[in-house]
């Protein structure tokens, strides 16, 4: 399979959309749950040749015309699990033929709740190795957890946290003021210059770095816009386990660092 990468602009939209031949597909990431309208526009152009990566939008409205997949692990305290959406009865039949997956560990999640982040990360890496590369049926324990959650409450809390960050940080964000759907993934703070994440981590603000492989990929010099996004994006968590109090705290830490 031949893979060709494309560049994206500061709004996470494709620069120079490619024309596709028969048998070719385009994969687009619905970044931070904020690109639903853009996905709809892409679908008008590409139809069934569009595949949507919704790993950052678990609550993307189901559309049988759109082939997409998401990730439960990015949103909830589960060790594995994702959903393939679209594809109709053919995929349903194929799913029933898949083997089950039982070798799953919750240890890293327990350690994270206990506050031992270093141990949790070590166990997380071990669990990553354990996960299969080939598709398998979801673990029943994970599925039971997902079905027991109050998803309406989760969606509302994530949006409230996002809106608090937007209120606090929009003046510093190259994207300006943002509007998010319920159940939003994270708040993307796009800056003009890179920030040393270790400075945030020392103050207890744990902000990840996404897509580092983009800057290390062969030909990265041809994807200058994407590389700048990697260096200048602060993806701030809005998890449902947080409240607006934590959002004010991390906003103050970031604002203080940017004012130095």
C-alpha atoms as a PDB file:
ATOM      1  CA  UNK A   1       0.000   0.000   0.000  1.00  0.00           C
ATOM      2  CA  UNK A   2       1.388   3.405  -0.999  1.00  0.00           C
ATOM      3  CA  UNK A   3       0.844   6.221   1.522  1.00  0.00           C
ATOM      4  CA  UNK A   4       1.127   9.895   0.613  1.00  0.00           C
ATOM      5  CA  UNK A   5       0.972  12.565   3.332  1.00  0.00           C
ATOM      6  CA  UNK A   6      -0.593  16.016   3.031  1.00  0.00           C
ATOM      7  CA  UNK A   7       0.044  19.252   4.927  1.00  0.00           C
ATOM      8  CA  UNK A   8      -2.537  21.032   7.119  1.00  0.00           C
ATOM      9  CA  UNK A   9      -2.886  24.702   8.018  1.00  0.00           C
ATOM     10  CA  UNK A  10      -3.192  26.329  11.449  1.00  0.00           C
ATOM     11  CA  UNK A  11      -6.949  25.567  11.417  1.00  0.00           C
ATOM     12  CA  UNK A  12      -6.230  21.838  10.930  1.00  0.00           C
ATOM     13  CA  UNK A  13      -7.560  21.882   7.368  1.00  0.00           C
ATOM     14  CA  UNK A  14      -5.900  20.311   4.326  1.00  0.00           C
ATOM     15  CA  UNK A  15      -3.584  22.462   2.224  1.00  0.00           C
ATOM     16  CA  UNK A  16      -4.028  21.583  -1.470  1.00  0.00           C
ATOM     17  CA  UNK A  17      -6.656  18.874  -1.315  1.00  0.00           C
ATOM     18  CA  UNK A  18      -5.607  15.910  -3.475  1.00  0.00           C
ATOM     19  CA  UNK A  19      -7.656  14.479  -6.321  1.00  0.00           C
ATOM     20  CA  UNK A  20      -8.281  10.762  -5.860  1.00  0.00           C
ATOM     21  CA  UNK A  21      -8.282   7.985  -8.414  1.00  0.00           C
ATOM     22  CA  UNK A  22     -10.523   4.936  -8.225  1.00  0.00           C
ATOM     23  CA  UNK A  23      -9.410   2.683  -5.376  1.00  0.00           C
ATOM     24  CA  UNK A  24      -7.739   5.543  -3.487  1.00  0.00           C
ATOM     25  CA  UNK A  25      -8.886   6.905  -0.136  1.00  0.00           C
ATOM     26  CA  UNK A  26      -8.155   9.950   1.978  1.00  0.00           C
ATOM     27  CA  UNK A  27      -7.844   9.716   5.763  1.00  0.00           C
ATOM     28  CA  UNK A  28      -8.637  12.872   7.734  1.00  0.00           C
ATOM     29  CA  UNK A  29      -8.342  13.395  11.493  1.00  0.00           C
ATOM     30  CA  UNK A  30     -11.246  15.235  13.125  1.00  0.00           C
ATOM     31  CA  UNK A  31      -8.847  17.274  15.258  1.00  0.00           C
ATOM     32  CA  UNK A  32      -9.915  17.952  18.860  1.00  0.00           C
ATOM     33  CA  UNK A  33     -13.593  17.203  17.948  1.00  0.00           C
ATOM     34  CA  UNK A  34     -13.675  20.658  16.333  1.00  0.00           C
ATOM     35  CA  UNK A  35     -13.777  19.747  12.629  1.00  0.00           C
ATOM     36  CA  UNK A  36     -17.228  18.194  12.231  1.00  0.00           C
ATOM     37  CA  UNK A  37     -18.389  20.834   9.748  1.00  0.00           C
ATOM     38  CA  UNK A  38     -15.182  20.438   7.777  1.00  0.00           C
ATOM     39  CA  UNK A  39     -15.676  16.663   7.709  1.00  0.00           C
ATOM     40  CA  UNK A  40     -19.112  17.277   6.170  1.00  0.00           C
ATOM     41  CA  UNK A  41     -17.511  19.405   3.450  1.00  0.00           C
ATOM     42  CA  UNK A  42     -14.903  16.743   2.774  1.00  0.00           C
ATOM     43  CA  UNK A  43     -17.612  14.142   2.500  1.00  0.00           C
ATOM     44  CA  UNK A  44     -19.331  16.171  -0.231  1.00  0.00           C
ATOM     45  CA  UNK A  45     -16.074  16.187  -2.201  1.00  0.00           C
ATOM     46  CA  UNK A  46     -14.808  12.658  -1.561  1.00  0.00           C
ATOM     47  CA  UNK A  47     -17.923  10.615  -0.746  1.00  0.00           C
ATOM     48  CA  UNK A  48     -17.131   6.996   0.088  1.00  0.00           C
ATOM     49  CA  UNK A  49     -13.420   7.616  -0.512  1.00  0.00           C
ATOM     50  CA  UNK A  50     -13.227   9.542   2.787  1.00  0.00           C
ATOM     51  CA  UNK A  51     -12.216   7.778   6.009  1.00  0.00           C
ATOM     52  CA  UNK A  52     -12.514   9.832   9.198  1.00  0.00           C
ATOM     53  CA  UNK A  53     -10.191   9.322  12.148  1.00  0.00           C
ATOM     54  CA  UNK A  54     -12.458  10.190  15.079  1.00  0.00           C
ATOM     55  CA  UNK A  55     -10.034   9.089  17.792  1.00  0.00           C
ATOM     56  CA  UNK A  56     -10.368  12.676  19.049  1.00  0.00           C
ATOM     57  CA  UNK A  57     -14.161  12.736  18.812  1.00  0.00           C
ATOM     58  CA  UNK A  58     -15.754   9.766  20.525  1.00  0.00           C
ATOM     59  CA  UNK A  59     -19.200  11.365  20.293  1.00  0.00           C
ATOM     60  CA  UNK A  60     -19.112  12.124  16.573  1.00  0.00           C
ATOM     61  CA  UNK A  61     -22.717  11.669  15.326  1.00  0.00           C
ATOM     62  CA  UNK A  62     -23.064   8.299  13.631  1.00  0.00           C
ATOM     63  CA  UNK A  63     -23.458   8.646   9.873  1.00  0.00           C
ATOM     64  CA  UNK A  64     -23.741   5.386   7.942  1.00  0.00           C
ATOM     65  CA  UNK A  65     -22.400   7.159   4.859  1.00  0.00           C
ATOM     66  CA  UNK A  66     -19.133   8.030   6.608  1.00  0.00           C
ATOM     67  CA  UNK A  67     -16.569   5.324   7.363  1.00  0.00           C
ATOM     68  CA  UNK A  68     -14.856   6.259  10.630  1.00  0.00           C
ATOM     69  CA  UNK A  69     -13.263   4.890  13.783  1.00  0.00           C
ATOM     70  CA  UNK A  70     -12.797   6.272  17.287  1.00  0.00           C
ATOM     71  CA  UNK A  71     -10.954   5.453  20.523  1.00  0.00           C
ATOM     72  CA  UNK A  72     -12.483   4.733  23.915  1.00  0.00           C
ATOM     73  CA  UNK A  73      -9.071   4.875  25.612  1.00  0.00           C
ATOM     74  CA  UNK A  74      -8.601   8.575  24.826  1.00  0.00           C
ATOM     75  CA  UNK A  75     -11.819   9.502  26.631  1.00  0.00           C
ATOM     76  CA  UNK A  76     -12.407   6.998  29.429  1.00  0.00           C
ATOM     77  CA  UNK A  77     -10.561   4.951  32.014  1.00  0.00           C
ATOM     78  CA  UNK A  78     -10.401   1.772  29.944  1.00  0.00           C
ATOM     79  CA  UNK A  79      -7.269  -0.078  28.770  1.00  0.00           C
ATOM     80  CA  UNK A  80      -8.375  -0.829  25.216  1.00  0.00           C
ATOM     81  CA  UNK A  81     -11.234  -0.474  22.801  1.00  0.00           C
ATOM     82  CA  UNK A  82     -12.349   1.391  19.687  1.00  0.00           C
ATOM     83  CA  UNK A  83     -15.381   1.384  17.437  1.00  0.00           C
ATOM     84  CA  UNK A  84     -15.506   1.100  13.655  1.00  0.00           C
ATOM     85  CA  UNK A  85     -18.527   3.005  12.354  1.00  0.00           C
ATOM     86  CA  UNK A  86     -20.149   2.784   8.938  1.00  0.00           C
ATOM     87  CA  UNK A  87     -19.669   0.047   6.383  1.00  0.00           C
ATOM     88  CA  UNK A  88     -23.090  -1.557   6.884  1.00  0.00           C
ATOM     89  CA  UNK A  89     -23.870  -5.236   7.218  1.00  0.00           C
ATOM     90  CA  UNK A  90     -20.598  -6.340   5.634  1.00  0.00           C
ATOM     91  CA  UNK A  91     -18.652  -5.035   8.636  1.00  0.00           C
ATOM     92  CA  UNK A  92     -21.186  -6.442  11.088  1.00  0.00           C
ATOM     93  CA  UNK A  93     -20.698  -9.905   9.625  1.00  0.00           C
ATOM     94  CA  UNK A  94     -16.922  -9.537   9.641  1.00  0.00           C
ATOM     95  CA  UNK A  95     -16.974  -8.453  13.300  1.00  0.00           C
ATOM     96  CA  UNK A  96     -18.757 -11.629  14.356  1.00  0.00           C
ATOM     97  CA  UNK A  97     -15.920 -13.656  12.838  1.00  0.00           C
ATOM     98  CA  UNK A  98     -13.203 -11.891  14.856  1.00  0.00           C
ATOM     99  CA  UNK A  99     -11.526 -13.641  17.804  1.00  0.00           C
ATOM    100  CA  UNK A 100     -12.131 -12.263  21.287  1.00  0.00           C
ATOM    101  CA  UNK A 101      -9.507 -10.323  23.244  1.00  0.00           C
ATOM    102  CA  UNK A 102      -9.046 -11.180  26.920  1.00  0.00           C
ATOM    103  CA  UNK A 103      -5.415 -10.346  27.757  1.00  0.00           C
ATOM    104  CA  UNK A 104      -6.074  -6.859  29.103  1.00  0.00           C
ATOM    105  CA  UNK A 105      -4.675  -5.096  32.172  1.00  0.00           C
ATOM    106  CA  UNK A 106      -6.152  -2.268  34.261  1.00  0.00           C
ATOM    107  CA  UNK A 107      -3.076  -1.916  36.493  1.00  0.00           C
ATOM    108  CA  UNK A 108      -1.842   1.330  34.934  1.00  0.00           C
ATOM    109  CA  UNK A 109      -5.273   2.891  35.423  1.00  0.00           C
ATOM    110  CA  UNK A 110      -5.341   1.909  39.095  1.00  0.00           C
ATOM    111  CA  UNK A 111      -1.859   3.356  39.670  1.00  0.00           C
ATOM    112  CA  UNK A 112      -2.858   6.598  37.984  1.00  0.00           C
ATOM    113  CA  UNK A 113      -5.808   6.921  40.335  1.00  0.00           C
ATOM    114  CA  UNK A 114      -3.479   6.270  43.278  1.00  0.00           C
ATOM    115  CA  UNK A 115      -1.309   9.147  42.078  1.00  0.00           C
ATOM    116  CA  UNK A 116       1.818   7.163  41.149  1.00  0.00           C
ATOM    117  CA  UNK A 117       2.178   8.599  37.632  1.00  0.00           C
ATOM    118  CA  UNK A 118       5.642   7.170  36.965  1.00  0.00           C
ATOM    119  CA  UNK A 119       4.568   3.629  37.790  1.00  0.00           C
ATOM    120  CA  UNK A 120       1.338   4.148  35.870  1.00  0.00           C
ATOM    121  CA  UNK A 121       3.262   5.190  32.767  1.00  0.00           C
ATOM    122  CA  UNK A 122       5.556   2.138  32.981  1.00  0.00           C
ATOM    123  CA  UNK A 123       2.548  -0.164  33.256  1.00  0.00           C
ATOM    124  CA  UNK A 124       0.828   1.726  30.448  1.00  0.00           C
ATOM    125  CA  UNK A 125       3.778   1.018  28.136  1.00  0.00           C
ATOM    126  CA  UNK A 126       3.637  -2.664  29.084  1.00  0.00           C
ATOM    127  CA  UNK A 127      -0.067  -2.734  28.264  1.00  0.00           C
ATOM    128  CA  UNK A 128       0.624  -1.109  24.887  1.00  0.00           C
ATOM    129  CA  UNK A 129       2.908  -4.008  23.985  1.00  0.00           C
ATOM    130  CA  UNK A 130       0.214  -6.450  25.053  1.00  0.00           C
ATOM    131  CA  UNK A 131      -2.440  -4.976  22.760  1.00  0.00           C
ATOM    132  CA  UNK A 132      -2.839  -6.836  19.456  1.00  0.00           C
ATOM    133  CA  UNK A 133      -2.105  -5.180  16.118  1.00  0.00           C
ATOM    134  CA  UNK A 134      -4.821  -7.130  14.324  1.00  0.00           C
ATOM    135  CA  UNK A 135      -8.536  -6.354  14.886  1.00  0.00           C
ATOM    136  CA  UNK A 136     -10.268  -8.365  17.611  1.00  0.00           C
ATOM    137  CA  UNK A 137     -13.585  -8.183  19.400  1.00  0.00           C
ATOM    138  CA  UNK A 138     -13.671  -5.735  22.285  1.00  0.00           C
ATOM    139  CA  UNK A 139     -13.097  -7.032  25.793  1.00  0.00           C
ATOM    140  CA  UNK A 140     -16.416  -7.579  27.610  1.00  0.00           C
ATOM    141  CA  UNK A 141     -15.153  -5.909  30.778  1.00  0.00           C
ATOM    142  CA  UNK A 142     -14.315  -2.758  28.820  1.00  0.00           C
ATOM    143  CA  UNK A 143     -17.679  -2.825  27.041  1.00  0.00           C
ATOM    144  CA  UNK A 144     -19.481  -3.163  30.378  1.00  0.00           C
ATOM    145  CA  UNK A 145     -17.643  -0.131  31.769  1.00  0.00           C
ATOM    146  CA  UNK A 146     -18.520   1.953  28.724  1.00  0.00           C
ATOM    147  CA  UNK A 147     -22.187   0.989  28.936  1.00  0.00           C
ATOM    148  CA  UNK A 148     -22.348   1.921  32.637  1.00  0.00           C
ATOM    149  CA  UNK A 149     -21.099   5.507  32.194  1.00  0.00           C
ATOM    150  CA  UNK A 150     -23.331   8.579  32.339  1.00  0.00           C
ATOM    151  CA  UNK A 151     -22.464   9.826  28.873  1.00  0.00           C
ATOM    152  CA  UNK A 152     -24.755  12.851  29.007  1.00  0.00           C
ATOM    153  CA  UNK A 153     -22.989  14.075  32.155  1.00  0.00           C
ATOM    154  CA  UNK A 154     -19.564  13.364  30.630  1.00  0.00           C
ATOM    155  CA  UNK A 155     -20.345  15.313  27.466  1.00  0.00           C
ATOM    156  CA  UNK A 156     -21.631  18.318  29.386  1.00  0.00           C
ATOM    157  CA  UNK A 157     -18.665  18.440  31.786  1.00  0.00           C
ATOM    158  CA  UNK A 158     -16.108  18.247  29.004  1.00  0.00           C
ATOM    159  CA  UNK A 159     -17.804  21.133  27.218  1.00  0.00           C
ATOM    160  CA  UNK A 160     -17.979  23.228  30.415  1.00  0.00           C
ATOM    161  CA  UNK A 161     -14.259  22.696  30.980  1.00  0.00           C
ATOM    162  CA  UNK A 162     -13.510  23.622  27.368  1.00  0.00           C
ATOM    163  CA  UNK A 163     -15.565  26.800  27.611  1.00  0.00           C
ATOM    164  CA  UNK A 164     -13.748  27.837  30.786  1.00  0.00           C
ATOM    165  CA  UNK A 165     -10.369  27.417  29.058  1.00  0.00           C
ATOM    166  CA  UNK A 166     -11.643  29.307  26.035  1.00  0.00           C
ATOM    167  CA  UNK A 167     -12.783  32.142  28.269  1.00  0.00           C
ATOM    168  CA  UNK A 168      -9.386  32.284  29.984  1.00  0.00           C
ATOM    169  CA  UNK A 169      -7.047  31.732  27.031  1.00  0.00           C
ATOM    170  CA  UNK A 170      -8.757  32.881  23.830  1.00  0.00           C
ATOM    171  CA  UNK A 171      -6.787  36.140  23.771  1.00  0.00           C
ATOM    172  CA  UNK A 172      -3.561  34.101  23.620  1.00  0.00           C
ATOM    173  CA  UNK A 173      -4.822  31.566  21.067  1.00  0.00           C
ATOM    174  CA  UNK A 174      -3.984  31.997  17.389  1.00  0.00           C
ATOM    175  CA  UNK A 175      -7.344  30.334  16.678  1.00  0.00           C
ATOM    176  CA  UNK A 176      -9.175  33.041  18.641  1.00  0.00           C
ATOM    177  CA  UNK A 177     -12.416  32.125  20.392  1.00  0.00           C
ATOM    178  CA  UNK A 178     -13.534  28.523  19.815  1.00  0.00           C
ATOM    179  CA  UNK A 179     -16.880  26.761  19.928  1.00  0.00           C
ATOM    180  CA  UNK A 180     -16.956  23.069  20.775  1.00  0.00           C
ATOM    181  CA  UNK A 181     -19.550  20.286  20.735  1.00  0.00           C
ATOM    182  CA  UNK A 182     -20.521  18.401  23.869  1.00  0.00           C
ATOM    183  CA  UNK A 183     -17.991  15.671  24.623  1.00  0.00           C
ATOM    184  CA  UNK A 184     -15.103  17.653  23.135  1.00  0.00           C
ATOM    185  CA  UNK A 185     -11.650  16.024  23.302  1.00  0.00           C
ATOM    186  CA  UNK A 186      -9.230  18.761  24.396  1.00  0.00           C
ATOM    187  CA  UNK A 187      -8.700  22.501  24.149  1.00  0.00           C
ATOM    188  CA  UNK A 188      -6.035  23.322  21.503  1.00  0.00           C
ATOM    189  CA  UNK A 189      -4.038  26.389  22.479  1.00  0.00           C
ATOM    190  CA  UNK A 190      -2.091  27.416  19.357  1.00  0.00           C
ATOM    191  CA  UNK A 191       0.805  29.771  20.074  1.00  0.00           C
ATOM    192  CA  UNK A 192       3.131  31.749  17.823  1.00  0.00           C
ATOM    193  CA  UNK A 193       6.226  30.191  19.373  1.00  0.00           C
ATOM    194  CA  UNK A 194       7.021  26.802  20.954  1.00  0.00           C
ATOM    195  CA  UNK A 195       6.801  26.376  24.722  1.00  0.00           C
ATOM    196  CA  UNK A 196       9.085  24.144  26.769  1.00  0.00           C
ATOM    197  CA  UNK A 197       6.623  21.589  28.139  1.00  0.00           C
ATOM    198  CA  UNK A 198       8.979  20.670  30.957  1.00  0.00           C
ATOM    199  CA  UNK A 199       8.350  24.121  32.454  1.00  0.00           C
ATOM    200  CA  UNK A 200       4.640  23.336  32.602  1.00  0.00           C
ATOM    201  CA  UNK A 201       5.255  19.849  33.979  1.00  0.00           C
ATOM    202  CA  UNK A 202       7.365  21.226  36.828  1.00  0.00           C
ATOM    203  CA  UNK A 203       4.423  23.348  37.894  1.00  0.00           C
ATOM    204  CA  UNK A 204       2.065  20.374  37.833  1.00  0.00           C
ATOM    205  CA  UNK A 205       0.445  21.160  34.476  1.00  0.00           C
ATOM    206  CA  UNK A 206       0.692  17.964  32.429  1.00  0.00           C
ATOM    207  CA  UNK A 207       0.151  18.918  28.786  1.00  0.00           C
ATOM    208  CA  UNK A 208       1.058  16.302  26.130  1.00  0.00           C
ATOM    209  CA  UNK A 209       2.871  16.775  22.835  1.00  0.00           C
ATOM    210  CA  UNK A 210       1.061  15.334  19.827  1.00  0.00           C
ATOM    211  CA  UNK A 211       2.348  14.168  16.445  1.00  0.00           C
ATOM    212  CA  UNK A 212       6.074  14.402  17.220  1.00  0.00           C
ATOM    213  CA  UNK A 213       6.699  11.827  14.484  1.00  0.00           C
ATOM    214  CA  UNK A 214       5.646  14.418  11.888  1.00  0.00           C
ATOM    215  CA  UNK A 215       8.775  16.484  12.537  1.00  0.00           C
ATOM    216  CA  UNK A 216      10.972  13.377  12.336  1.00  0.00           C
ATOM    217  CA  UNK A 217       9.451  11.946   9.168  1.00  0.00           C
ATOM    218  CA  UNK A 218      11.456  11.856   5.949  1.00  0.00           C
ATOM    219  CA  UNK A 219      10.528  14.920   3.915  1.00  0.00           C
ATOM    220  CA  UNK A 220       9.343  16.879   6.971  1.00  0.00           C
ATOM    221  CA  UNK A 221      10.754  20.045   5.389  1.00  0.00           C
ATOM    222  CA  UNK A 222       7.857  19.929   2.913  1.00  0.00           C
ATOM    223  CA  UNK A 223       5.284  20.020   5.719  1.00  0.00           C
ATOM    224  CA  UNK A 224       6.245  23.261   7.402  1.00  0.00           C
ATOM    225  CA  UNK A 225       2.733  24.165   8.536  1.00  0.00           C
ATOM    226  CA  UNK A 226       2.140  20.769  10.171  1.00  0.00           C
ATOM    227  CA  UNK A 227       5.552  20.880  11.850  1.00  0.00           C
ATOM    228  CA  UNK A 228       4.799  24.303  13.313  1.00  0.00           C
ATOM    229  CA  UNK A 229       1.524  22.954  14.710  1.00  0.00           C
ATOM    230  CA  UNK A 230       3.436  20.156  16.419  1.00  0.00           C
ATOM    231  CA  UNK A 231       5.788  22.636  18.071  1.00  0.00           C
ATOM    232  CA  UNK A 232       3.246  25.350  18.914  1.00  0.00           C
ATOM    233  CA  UNK A 233       0.129  23.437  19.987  1.00  0.00           C
ATOM    234  CA  UNK A 234      -0.682  22.938  23.664  1.00  0.00           C
ATOM    235  CA  UNK A 235      -3.444  20.293  23.861  1.00  0.00           C
ATOM    236  CA  UNK A 236      -5.030  20.984  27.262  1.00  0.00           C
ATOM    237  CA  UNK A 237      -7.092  18.133  28.784  1.00  0.00           C
ATOM    238  CA  UNK A 238     -10.757  18.812  29.593  1.00  0.00           C
ATOM    239  CA  UNK A 239     -11.458  15.360  31.087  1.00  0.00           C
ATOM    240  CA  UNK A 240     -14.768  14.842  32.844  1.00  0.00           C
ATOM    241  CA  UNK A 241     -12.903  14.080  36.100  1.00  0.00           C
ATOM    242  CA  UNK A 242     -11.831  17.745  36.169  1.00  0.00           C
ATOM    243  CA  UNK A 243     -13.906  20.791  37.095  1.00  0.00           C
ATOM    244  CA  UNK A 244     -13.735  24.447  36.155  1.00  0.00           C
ATOM    245  CA  UNK A 245     -11.495  24.941  39.210  1.00  0.00           C
ATOM    246  CA  UNK A 246      -8.728  22.859  37.610  1.00  0.00           C
ATOM    247  CA  UNK A 247      -9.273  24.718  34.334  1.00  0.00           C
ATOM    248  CA  UNK A 248      -8.659  28.030  36.106  1.00  0.00           C
ATOM    249  CA  UNK A 249      -5.539  26.586  37.735  1.00  0.00           C
ATOM    250  CA  UNK A 250      -3.939  25.368  34.512  1.00  0.00           C
ATOM    251  CA  UNK A 251      -4.931  28.597  32.751  1.00  0.00           C
ATOM    252  CA  UNK A 252      -3.113  30.597  35.430  1.00  0.00           C
ATOM    253  CA  UNK A 253       0.006  28.421  35.088  1.00  0.00           C
ATOM    254  CA  UNK A 254       0.072  28.786  31.300  1.00  0.00           C
ATOM    255  CA  UNK A 255      -0.673  32.511  31.389  1.00  0.00           C
ATOM    256  CA  UNK A 256       2.097  33.041  33.928  1.00  0.00           C
ATOM    257  CA  UNK A 257       4.586  31.148  31.788  1.00  0.00           C
ATOM    258  CA  UNK A 258       3.640  33.052  28.621  1.00  0.00           C
ATOM    259  CA  UNK A 259       4.064  36.397  30.379  1.00  0.00           C
ATOM    260  CA  UNK A 260       7.730  35.685  31.281  1.00  0.00           C
END
